[in-house]
């Protein structure tokens, strides 16, 4: 059965100076099978401004001579995390269709006005076991549907539990995720496990040793996360010579709507302050 979603904004982001996405809170999908639909793999699809796309259970419509688009996105994401895909065209489009190869259903994402470029943010179900997913994207203009273009995302299997914080980014750089638990202990590359049960189970591109994963994940196990306020810090440890690193942080807390925070580090890492926000479990 497709997941049922509701919308909820995160209130802590504005004070932190970050961009918040109004994320969808979805009931967890069951074991994945060929009969599942797109929402069981991608529980939400939204514009970067927070406007959610609409999930459809029927087959995505075929091309009818609409605009030609190109797609470019994050190469990898973790189960329970999020990723971005940017859709561009030389001619304006007013809607985007997204389907998933080998899976039924599709998303329709209307745009507030015709444009030649837009960025979509999508979630990866906690139940995806790993491997690759291939999104197929088409632009629509005045009802005319363009050809679908493919963008693959590698899913890296990580742990999940009562509290899961992950980050995905674009760029061969060293972005570090830190989470401080309610007791004040910090989980990060220098302290992989906390006394409260938190652990960093994925660390990527340490000291510019580029591994291509571009994701990090910190998790507290089911039934083991302490109650209270957590602090998330995103640190641009080293730009590794790239001009820009766009990132998406996803916070999953048992019993709460997921929160997605977008941002970018531009230029040298030394000129980029760390980004901080908090949440409560």
C-alpha atoms as a PDB file:
ATOM      1  CA  UNK A   1       0.000   0.000   0.000  1.00  0.00           C
ATOM      2  CA  UNK A   2       1.297   3.502  -0.716  1.00  0.00           C
ATOM      3  CA  UNK A   3       2.437   5.559   2.273  1.00  0.00           C
ATOM      4  CA  UNK A   4       0.078   8.238   3.573  1.00  0.00           C
ATOM      5  CA  UNK A   5       1.755  11.615   4.051  1.00  0.00           C
ATOM      6  CA  UNK A   6       1.058  14.880   5.854  1.00  0.00           C
ATOM      7  CA  UNK A   7       2.927  18.176   5.878  1.00  0.00           C
ATOM      8  CA  UNK A   8       4.710  19.823   8.770  1.00  0.00           C
ATOM      9  CA  UNK A   9       7.231  22.710   8.838  1.00  0.00           C
ATOM     10  CA  UNK A  10      10.234  22.658  11.141  1.00  0.00           C
ATOM     11  CA  UNK A  11      10.281  25.754  13.349  1.00  0.00           C
ATOM     12  CA  UNK A  12      13.927  25.838  14.435  1.00  0.00           C
ATOM     13  CA  UNK A  13      15.518  26.452  11.060  1.00  0.00           C
ATOM     14  CA  UNK A  14      14.890  30.157  10.503  1.00  0.00           C
ATOM     15  CA  UNK A  15      16.832  31.052  13.647  1.00  0.00           C
ATOM     16  CA  UNK A  16      19.739  28.971  12.395  1.00  0.00           C
ATOM     17  CA  UNK A  17      19.817  30.822   9.088  1.00  0.00           C
ATOM     18  CA  UNK A  18      19.201  27.659   7.051  1.00  0.00           C
ATOM     19  CA  UNK A  19      16.646  26.798   4.403  1.00  0.00           C
ATOM     20  CA  UNK A  20      13.953  24.399   5.619  1.00  0.00           C
ATOM     21  CA  UNK A  21      11.904  22.101   3.463  1.00  0.00           C
ATOM     22  CA  UNK A  22       8.326  21.399   4.542  1.00  0.00           C
ATOM     23  CA  UNK A  23       8.716  17.631   4.609  1.00  0.00           C
ATOM     24  CA  UNK A  24       6.169  14.864   4.351  1.00  0.00           C
ATOM     25  CA  UNK A  25       5.646  12.523   7.274  1.00  0.00           C
ATOM     26  CA  UNK A  26       4.844   9.094   5.922  1.00  0.00           C
ATOM     27  CA  UNK A  27       3.828   5.821   7.446  1.00  0.00           C
ATOM     28  CA  UNK A  28       6.636   3.340   6.950  1.00  0.00           C
ATOM     29  CA  UNK A  29       6.429   1.107   3.937  1.00  0.00           C
ATOM     30  CA  UNK A  30       6.301  -2.643   4.435  1.00  0.00           C
ATOM     31  CA  UNK A  31       8.829  -5.028   2.922  1.00  0.00           C
ATOM     32  CA  UNK A  32       9.612  -3.875  -0.598  1.00  0.00           C
ATOM     33  CA  UNK A  33       8.344  -6.030  -3.436  1.00  0.00           C
ATOM     34  CA  UNK A  34       7.736  -5.613  -7.185  1.00  0.00           C
ATOM     35  CA  UNK A  35       4.066  -4.830  -6.464  1.00  0.00           C
ATOM     36  CA  UNK A  36       4.945  -1.748  -4.413  1.00  0.00           C
ATOM     37  CA  UNK A  37       4.518   1.736  -5.843  1.00  0.00           C
ATOM     38  CA  UNK A  38       6.893   4.682  -6.051  1.00  0.00           C
ATOM     39  CA  UNK A  39       5.955   6.024  -2.601  1.00  0.00           C
ATOM     40  CA  UNK A  40       7.245   2.858  -0.943  1.00  0.00           C
ATOM     41  CA  UNK A  41      10.709   3.718  -2.279  1.00  0.00           C
ATOM     42  CA  UNK A  42      10.496   7.523  -2.454  1.00  0.00           C
ATOM     43  CA  UNK A  43       8.095   8.621   0.323  1.00  0.00           C
ATOM     44  CA  UNK A  44       8.057  12.266  -0.767  1.00  0.00           C
ATOM     45  CA  UNK A  45       9.003  14.423  -3.739  1.00  0.00           C
ATOM     46  CA  UNK A  46       9.008  18.199  -3.380  1.00  0.00           C
ATOM     47  CA  UNK A  47      10.298  21.429  -4.810  1.00  0.00           C
ATOM     48  CA  UNK A  48      13.271  22.891  -2.960  1.00  0.00           C
ATOM     49  CA  UNK A  49      10.892  25.602  -1.703  1.00  0.00           C
ATOM     50  CA  UNK A  50       8.860  22.965   0.148  1.00  0.00           C
ATOM     51  CA  UNK A  51       5.880  22.477  -2.164  1.00  0.00           C
ATOM     52  CA  UNK A  52       5.077  18.783  -2.213  1.00  0.00           C
ATOM     53  CA  UNK A  53       4.424  16.812  -5.358  1.00  0.00           C
ATOM     54  CA  UNK A  54       1.381  14.585  -5.661  1.00  0.00           C
ATOM     55  CA  UNK A  55       1.812  10.828  -5.772  1.00  0.00           C
ATOM     56  CA  UNK A  56      -0.218   9.039  -8.422  1.00  0.00           C
ATOM     57  CA  UNK A  57      -0.808   5.280  -8.449  1.00  0.00           C
ATOM     58  CA  UNK A  58      -1.366   4.991 -12.195  1.00  0.00           C
ATOM     59  CA  UNK A  59       1.298   4.623 -14.874  1.00  0.00           C
ATOM     60  CA  UNK A  60       3.086   7.838 -15.802  1.00  0.00           C
ATOM     61  CA  UNK A  61       1.782   9.272 -19.092  1.00  0.00           C
ATOM     62  CA  UNK A  62       3.816   8.815 -22.269  1.00  0.00           C
ATOM     63  CA  UNK A  63       5.683  11.665 -24.019  1.00  0.00           C
ATOM     64  CA  UNK A  64       3.647  13.874 -26.362  1.00  0.00           C
ATOM     65  CA  UNK A  65       6.263  16.222 -27.794  1.00  0.00           C
ATOM     66  CA  UNK A  66       6.893  18.406 -24.756  1.00  0.00           C
ATOM     67  CA  UNK A  67      10.104  20.141 -23.681  1.00  0.00           C
ATOM     68  CA  UNK A  68      13.416  18.314 -23.591  1.00  0.00           C
ATOM     69  CA  UNK A  69      14.996  18.338 -20.139  1.00  0.00           C
ATOM     70  CA  UNK A  70      18.293  17.324 -18.580  1.00  0.00           C
ATOM     71  CA  UNK A  71      18.660  16.014 -15.034  1.00  0.00           C
ATOM     72  CA  UNK A  72      21.599  16.126 -12.650  1.00  0.00           C
ATOM     73  CA  UNK A  73      21.509  15.098  -9.008  1.00  0.00           C
ATOM     74  CA  UNK A  74      23.184  13.576  -6.000  1.00  0.00           C
ATOM     75  CA  UNK A  75      24.893  10.330  -6.904  1.00  0.00           C
ATOM     76  CA  UNK A  76      24.141   8.613  -3.586  1.00  0.00           C
ATOM     77  CA  UNK A  77      21.814   8.685  -0.587  1.00  0.00           C
ATOM     78  CA  UNK A  78      21.142   6.513   2.454  1.00  0.00           C
ATOM     79  CA  UNK A  79      17.977   4.684   3.376  1.00  0.00           C
ATOM     80  CA  UNK A  80      16.019   7.114   5.522  1.00  0.00           C
ATOM     81  CA  UNK A  81      17.843  10.064   3.960  1.00  0.00           C
ATOM     82  CA  UNK A  82      17.155  12.513   1.147  1.00  0.00           C
ATOM     83  CA  UNK A  83      18.713  13.627  -2.128  1.00  0.00           C
ATOM     84  CA  UNK A  84      18.307  16.335  -4.760  1.00  0.00           C
ATOM     85  CA  UNK A  85      17.823  16.350  -8.498  1.00  0.00           C
ATOM     86  CA  UNK A  86      17.983  19.491 -10.666  1.00  0.00           C
ATOM     87  CA  UNK A  87      15.929  19.579 -13.865  1.00  0.00           C
ATOM     88  CA  UNK A  88      16.841  22.036 -16.640  1.00  0.00           C
ATOM     89  CA  UNK A  89      15.662  22.834 -20.154  1.00  0.00           C
ATOM     90  CA  UNK A  90      16.272  25.402 -22.865  1.00  0.00           C
ATOM     91  CA  UNK A  91      12.513  25.999 -23.016  1.00  0.00           C
ATOM     92  CA  UNK A  92      10.215  26.709 -20.046  1.00  0.00           C
ATOM     93  CA  UNK A  93       8.209  23.922 -18.395  1.00  0.00           C
ATOM     94  CA  UNK A  94       5.427  24.234 -15.831  1.00  0.00           C
ATOM     95  CA  UNK A  95       5.306  20.768 -14.321  1.00  0.00           C
ATOM     96  CA  UNK A  96       7.636  17.840 -13.676  1.00  0.00           C
ATOM     97  CA  UNK A  97       6.761  14.155 -13.818  1.00  0.00           C
ATOM     98  CA  UNK A  98       8.907  11.636 -11.950  1.00  0.00           C
ATOM     99  CA  UNK A  99       8.669   7.878 -12.224  1.00  0.00           C
ATOM    100  CA  UNK A 100      10.907   5.103 -10.881  1.00  0.00           C
ATOM    101  CA  UNK A 101      12.160   2.449 -13.252  1.00  0.00           C
ATOM    102  CA  UNK A 102      10.565  -0.927 -12.598  1.00  0.00           C
ATOM    103  CA  UNK A 103       8.015   0.417 -10.093  1.00  0.00           C
ATOM    104  CA  UNK A 104       4.400   1.513 -10.541  1.00  0.00           C
ATOM    105  CA  UNK A 105       3.018   4.991  -9.958  1.00  0.00           C
ATOM    106  CA  UNK A 106       4.611   8.398 -10.394  1.00  0.00           C
ATOM    107  CA  UNK A 107       4.850  11.895  -8.932  1.00  0.00           C
ATOM    108  CA  UNK A 108       3.465  15.071 -10.448  1.00  0.00           C
ATOM    109  CA  UNK A 109       5.156  18.256  -9.256  1.00  0.00           C
ATOM    110  CA  UNK A 110       3.525  21.502 -10.395  1.00  0.00           C
ATOM    111  CA  UNK A 111       5.666  24.623 -10.554  1.00  0.00           C
ATOM    112  CA  UNK A 112       4.495  28.045  -9.327  1.00  0.00           C
ATOM    113  CA  UNK A 113       5.444  29.527 -12.721  1.00  0.00           C
ATOM    114  CA  UNK A 114       7.055  28.273 -15.947  1.00  0.00           C
ATOM    115  CA  UNK A 115      10.821  27.980 -15.585  1.00  0.00           C
ATOM    116  CA  UNK A 116      13.898  26.531 -17.294  1.00  0.00           C
ATOM    117  CA  UNK A 117      15.389  25.149 -14.064  1.00  0.00           C
ATOM    118  CA  UNK A 118      14.085  23.683 -10.825  1.00  0.00           C
ATOM    119  CA  UNK A 119      15.441  21.520  -8.005  1.00  0.00           C
ATOM    120  CA  UNK A 120      13.508  18.637  -6.473  1.00  0.00           C
ATOM    121  CA  UNK A 121      14.172  17.047  -3.082  1.00  0.00           C
ATOM    122  CA  UNK A 122      13.096  13.454  -2.488  1.00  0.00           C
ATOM    123  CA  UNK A 123      13.239  11.005   0.385  1.00  0.00           C
ATOM    124  CA  UNK A 124      14.504   7.424   0.400  1.00  0.00           C
ATOM    125  CA  UNK A 125      12.455   4.901   2.381  1.00  0.00           C
ATOM    126  CA  UNK A 126      14.068   3.427   5.485  1.00  0.00           C
ATOM    127  CA  UNK A 127      13.165   0.003   4.080  1.00  0.00           C
ATOM    128  CA  UNK A 128      15.254   0.228   0.899  1.00  0.00           C
ATOM    129  CA  UNK A 129      17.944  -2.402   1.295  1.00  0.00           C
ATOM    130  CA  UNK A 130      20.579  -0.719  -0.874  1.00  0.00           C
ATOM    131  CA  UNK A 131      21.664  -0.865  -4.484  1.00  0.00           C
ATOM    132  CA  UNK A 132      20.528   1.531  -7.181  1.00  0.00           C
ATOM    133  CA  UNK A 133      17.339   3.395  -8.008  1.00  0.00           C
ATOM    134  CA  UNK A 134      16.760   5.045 -11.381  1.00  0.00           C
ATOM    135  CA  UNK A 135      14.507   8.087 -11.464  1.00  0.00           C
ATOM    136  CA  UNK A 136      13.000   9.009 -14.830  1.00  0.00           C
ATOM    137  CA  UNK A 137      12.057  12.665 -15.186  1.00  0.00           C
ATOM    138  CA  UNK A 138      10.043  14.578 -17.800  1.00  0.00           C
ATOM    139  CA  UNK A 139       9.120  18.234 -18.206  1.00  0.00           C
ATOM    140  CA  UNK A 140       5.593  19.308 -19.121  1.00  0.00           C
ATOM    141  CA  UNK A 141       4.516  22.522 -20.835  1.00  0.00           C
ATOM    142  CA  UNK A 142       0.868  23.312 -21.465  1.00  0.00           C
ATOM    143  CA  UNK A 143      -0.024  19.632 -21.274  1.00  0.00           C
ATOM    144  CA  UNK A 144       2.703  18.495 -23.695  1.00  0.00           C
ATOM    145  CA  UNK A 145       4.978  15.920 -22.048  1.00  0.00           C
ATOM    146  CA  UNK A 146       8.642  15.665 -22.980  1.00  0.00           C
ATOM    147  CA  UNK A 147      10.828  12.591 -23.185  1.00  0.00           C
ATOM    148  CA  UNK A 148      11.867  11.011 -19.882  1.00  0.00           C
ATOM    149  CA  UNK A 149      15.536  11.269 -18.920  1.00  0.00           C
ATOM    150  CA  UNK A 150      17.173   9.041 -16.324  1.00  0.00           C
ATOM    151  CA  UNK A 151      19.096   9.885 -13.176  1.00  0.00           C
ATOM    152  CA  UNK A 152      20.431   7.086 -10.991  1.00  0.00           C
ATOM    153  CA  UNK A 153      21.011   7.292  -7.258  1.00  0.00           C
ATOM    154  CA  UNK A 154      23.005   4.724  -5.316  1.00  0.00           C
ATOM    155  CA  UNK A 155      21.387   3.777  -2.011  1.00  0.00           C
ATOM    156  CA  UNK A 156      23.861   3.028   0.784  1.00  0.00           C
ATOM    157  CA  UNK A 157      22.342   0.880   3.522  1.00  0.00           C
ATOM    158  CA  UNK A 158      22.802   2.332   7.030  1.00  0.00           C
ATOM    159  CA  UNK A 159      21.282   1.821  10.451  1.00  0.00           C
ATOM    160  CA  UNK A 160      18.067   3.437  11.621  1.00  0.00           C
ATOM    161  CA  UNK A 161      16.240   3.642  14.915  1.00  0.00           C
ATOM    162  CA  UNK A 162      14.409   6.070  17.188  1.00  0.00           C
ATOM    163  CA  UNK A 163      16.676   8.922  16.059  1.00  0.00           C
ATOM    164  CA  UNK A 164      18.452   9.013  12.701  1.00  0.00           C
ATOM    165  CA  UNK A 165      20.317  12.024  11.329  1.00  0.00           C
ATOM    166  CA  UNK A 166      21.909  11.824   7.886  1.00  0.00           C
ATOM    167  CA  UNK A 167      23.523  14.140   5.385  1.00  0.00           C
ATOM    168  CA  UNK A 168      24.052  13.799   1.641  1.00  0.00           C
ATOM    169  CA  UNK A 169      25.995  16.255  -0.470  1.00  0.00           C
ATOM    170  CA  UNK A 170      27.188  16.950  -3.988  1.00  0.00           C
ATOM    171  CA  UNK A 171      30.865  17.620  -4.554  1.00  0.00           C
ATOM    172  CA  UNK A 172      34.100  15.721  -3.905  1.00  0.00           C
ATOM    173  CA  UNK A 173      34.625  17.414  -0.550  1.00  0.00           C
ATOM    174  CA  UNK A 174      34.808  16.502   3.133  1.00  0.00           C
ATOM    175  CA  UNK A 175      31.554  17.472   4.855  1.00  0.00           C
ATOM    176  CA  UNK A 176      31.215  16.250   8.433  1.00  0.00           C
ATOM    177  CA  UNK A 177      28.091  15.536  10.457  1.00  0.00           C
ATOM    178  CA  UNK A 178      28.077  16.008  14.245  1.00  0.00           C
ATOM    179  CA  UNK A 179      25.166  15.312  16.613  1.00  0.00           C
ATOM    180  CA  UNK A 180      25.235  16.145  20.330  1.00  0.00           C
ATOM    181  CA  UNK A 181      22.844  14.137  22.501  1.00  0.00           C
ATOM    182  CA  UNK A 182      20.816  15.493  25.469  1.00  0.00           C
ATOM    183  CA  UNK A 183      23.659  14.643  27.886  1.00  0.00           C
ATOM    184  CA  UNK A 184      26.056  16.853  25.931  1.00  0.00           C
ATOM    185  CA  UNK A 185      28.124  14.071  24.358  1.00  0.00           C
ATOM    186  CA  UNK A 186      28.971  14.576  20.699  1.00  0.00           C
ATOM    187  CA  UNK A 187      28.959  11.830  18.073  1.00  0.00           C
ATOM    188  CA  UNK A 188      31.237  12.539  15.098  1.00  0.00           C
ATOM    189  CA  UNK A 189      34.342  11.169  13.366  1.00  0.00           C
ATOM    190  CA  UNK A 190      36.375  11.698  16.539  1.00  0.00           C
ATOM    191  CA  UNK A 191      33.863   9.930  18.806  1.00  0.00           C
ATOM    192  CA  UNK A 192      32.127   7.203  16.822  1.00  0.00           C
ATOM    193  CA  UNK A 193      29.955   5.945  19.707  1.00  0.00           C
ATOM    194  CA  UNK A 194      28.363   7.704  22.654  1.00  0.00           C
ATOM    195  CA  UNK A 195      27.454   6.355  26.061  1.00  0.00           C
ATOM    196  CA  UNK A 196      23.790   6.927  25.180  1.00  0.00           C
ATOM    197  CA  UNK A 197      23.991   4.485  22.232  1.00  0.00           C
ATOM    198  CA  UNK A 198      24.485   6.898  19.355  1.00  0.00           C
ATOM    199  CA  UNK A 199      26.929   5.901  16.630  1.00  0.00           C
ATOM    200  CA  UNK A 200      28.362   7.231  13.410  1.00  0.00           C
ATOM    201  CA  UNK A 201      27.990   4.262  11.063  1.00  0.00           C
ATOM    202  CA  UNK A 202      28.955   6.011   7.824  1.00  0.00           C
ATOM    203  CA  UNK A 203      31.797   8.508   7.378  1.00  0.00           C
ATOM    204  CA  UNK A 204      32.729   9.736   3.906  1.00  0.00           C
ATOM    205  CA  UNK A 205      35.659  11.457   2.207  1.00  0.00           C
ATOM    206  CA  UNK A 206      37.783  11.782   5.387  1.00  0.00           C
ATOM    207  CA  UNK A 207      40.608  14.309   4.943  1.00  0.00           C
ATOM    208  CA  UNK A 208      39.840  14.395   1.192  1.00  0.00           C
ATOM    209  CA  UNK A 209      40.331  10.669   0.706  1.00  0.00           C
ATOM    210  CA  UNK A 210      37.442  10.655  -1.731  1.00  0.00           C
ATOM    211  CA  UNK A 211      35.331   7.491  -1.619  1.00  0.00           C
ATOM    212  CA  UNK A 212      32.377   8.715  -3.684  1.00  0.00           C
ATOM    213  CA  UNK A 213      29.802   7.982  -0.976  1.00  0.00           C
ATOM    214  CA  UNK A 214      29.148  11.631  -0.027  1.00  0.00           C
ATOM    215  CA  UNK A 215      26.870  10.632   2.878  1.00  0.00           C
ATOM    216  CA  UNK A 216      27.176  10.371   6.643  1.00  0.00           C
ATOM    217  CA  UNK A 217      24.736   8.866   9.144  1.00  0.00           C
ATOM    218  CA  UNK A 218      24.336   9.014  12.933  1.00  0.00           C
ATOM    219  CA  UNK A 219      21.734   6.837  14.621  1.00  0.00           C
ATOM    220  CA  UNK A 220      20.383   5.859  18.032  1.00  0.00           C
ATOM    221  CA  UNK A 221      18.789   2.374  18.128  1.00  0.00           C
ATOM    222  CA  UNK A 222      15.127   1.607  18.574  1.00  0.00           C
ATOM    223  CA  UNK A 223      14.226   1.899  22.235  1.00  0.00           C
ATOM    224  CA  UNK A 224      17.644   3.337  23.036  1.00  0.00           C
ATOM    225  CA  UNK A 225      17.591   7.053  22.228  1.00  0.00           C
ATOM    226  CA  UNK A 226      17.582   9.406  25.248  1.00  0.00           C
ATOM    227  CA  UNK A 227      14.821  11.985  25.534  1.00  0.00           C
ATOM    228  CA  UNK A 228      15.669  15.652  25.257  1.00  0.00           C
ATOM    229  CA  UNK A 229      17.236  18.151  22.889  1.00  0.00           C
ATOM    230  CA  UNK A 230      19.754  17.167  20.221  1.00  0.00           C
ATOM    231  CA  UNK A 231      22.054  19.574  18.381  1.00  0.00           C
ATOM    232  CA  UNK A 232      23.084  18.964  14.766  1.00  0.00           C
ATOM    233  CA  UNK A 233      26.218  20.581  13.380  1.00  0.00           C
ATOM    234  CA  UNK A 234      27.276  20.453   9.730  1.00  0.00           C
ATOM    235  CA  UNK A 235      30.961  21.252   9.309  1.00  0.00           C
ATOM    236  CA  UNK A 236      32.805  21.964   6.069  1.00  0.00           C
ATOM    237  CA  UNK A 237      35.986  20.213   7.156  1.00  0.00           C
ATOM    238  CA  UNK A 238      37.733  20.575   3.782  1.00  0.00           C
ATOM    239  CA  UNK A 239      36.525  21.810   0.404  1.00  0.00           C
ATOM    240  CA  UNK A 240      39.133  19.544  -1.261  1.00  0.00           C
ATOM    241  CA  UNK A 241      39.390  22.061  -4.082  1.00  0.00           C
ATOM    242  CA  UNK A 242      35.734  22.062  -5.220  1.00  0.00           C
ATOM    243  CA  UNK A 243      33.887  25.328  -5.719  1.00  0.00           C
ATOM    244  CA  UNK A 244      30.600  24.388  -4.045  1.00  0.00           C
ATOM    245  CA  UNK A 245      29.061  21.618  -1.948  1.00  0.00           C
ATOM    246  CA  UNK A 246      25.257  21.484  -1.805  1.00  0.00           C
ATOM    247  CA  UNK A 247      23.864  19.351   1.009  1.00  0.00           C
ATOM    248  CA  UNK A 248      20.650  17.962   2.465  1.00  0.00           C
ATOM    249  CA  UNK A 249      20.277  16.955   6.131  1.00  0.00           C
ATOM    250  CA  UNK A 250      17.418  14.625   7.094  1.00  0.00           C
ATOM    251  CA  UNK A 251      16.233  14.069  10.672  1.00  0.00           C
ATOM    252  CA  UNK A 252      13.987  11.101  11.421  1.00  0.00           C
ATOM    253  CA  UNK A 253      12.583  10.893  14.953  1.00  0.00           C
ATOM    254  CA  UNK A 254      10.188   8.169  16.080  1.00  0.00           C
ATOM    255  CA  UNK A 255       6.644   9.510  16.292  1.00  0.00           C
ATOM    256  CA  UNK A 256       7.467  12.791  14.525  1.00  0.00           C
ATOM    257  CA  UNK A 257       7.428  14.148  11.001  1.00  0.00           C
ATOM    258  CA  UNK A 258      10.800  14.066   9.229  1.00  0.00           C
ATOM    259  CA  UNK A 259      12.702  17.315   8.869  1.00  0.00           C
ATOM    260  CA  UNK A 260      14.798  18.160   5.820  1.00  0.00           C
ATOM    261  CA  UNK A 261      17.316  21.025   5.841  1.00  0.00           C
ATOM    262  CA  UNK A 262      19.073  22.219   2.679  1.00  0.00           C
ATOM    263  CA  UNK A 263      22.166  24.339   2.361  1.00  0.00           C
ATOM    264  CA  UNK A 264      25.340  25.043   0.407  1.00  0.00           C
ATOM    265  CA  UNK A 265      28.979  25.653   1.208  1.00  0.00           C
ATOM    266  CA  UNK A 266      30.623  27.903  -1.381  1.00  0.00           C
ATOM    267  CA  UNK A 267      34.313  28.588  -1.827  1.00  0.00           C
ATOM    268  CA  UNK A 268      37.066  27.550   0.549  1.00  0.00           C
ATOM    269  CA  UNK A 269      36.075  25.615   3.656  1.00  0.00           C
ATOM    270  CA  UNK A 270      37.849  28.115   5.904  1.00  0.00           C
ATOM    271  CA  UNK A 271      35.351  30.786   4.831  1.00  0.00           C
ATOM    272  CA  UNK A 272      32.279  28.716   5.680  1.00  0.00           C
ATOM    273  CA  UNK A 273      30.988  28.662   9.279  1.00  0.00           C
ATOM    274  CA  UNK A 274      29.415  25.483  10.587  1.00  0.00           C
ATOM    275  CA  UNK A 275      25.625  25.238  10.369  1.00  0.00           C
ATOM    276  CA  UNK A 276      23.728  24.334  13.535  1.00  0.00           C
ATOM    277  CA  UNK A 277      20.132  23.508  14.456  1.00  0.00           C
ATOM    278  CA  UNK A 278      18.340  21.570  17.179  1.00  0.00           C
ATOM    279  CA  UNK A 279      15.480  19.111  17.542  1.00  0.00           C
ATOM    280  CA  UNK A 280      13.768  17.398  20.454  1.00  0.00           C
ATOM    281  CA  UNK A 281      12.910  13.739  20.974  1.00  0.00           C
END
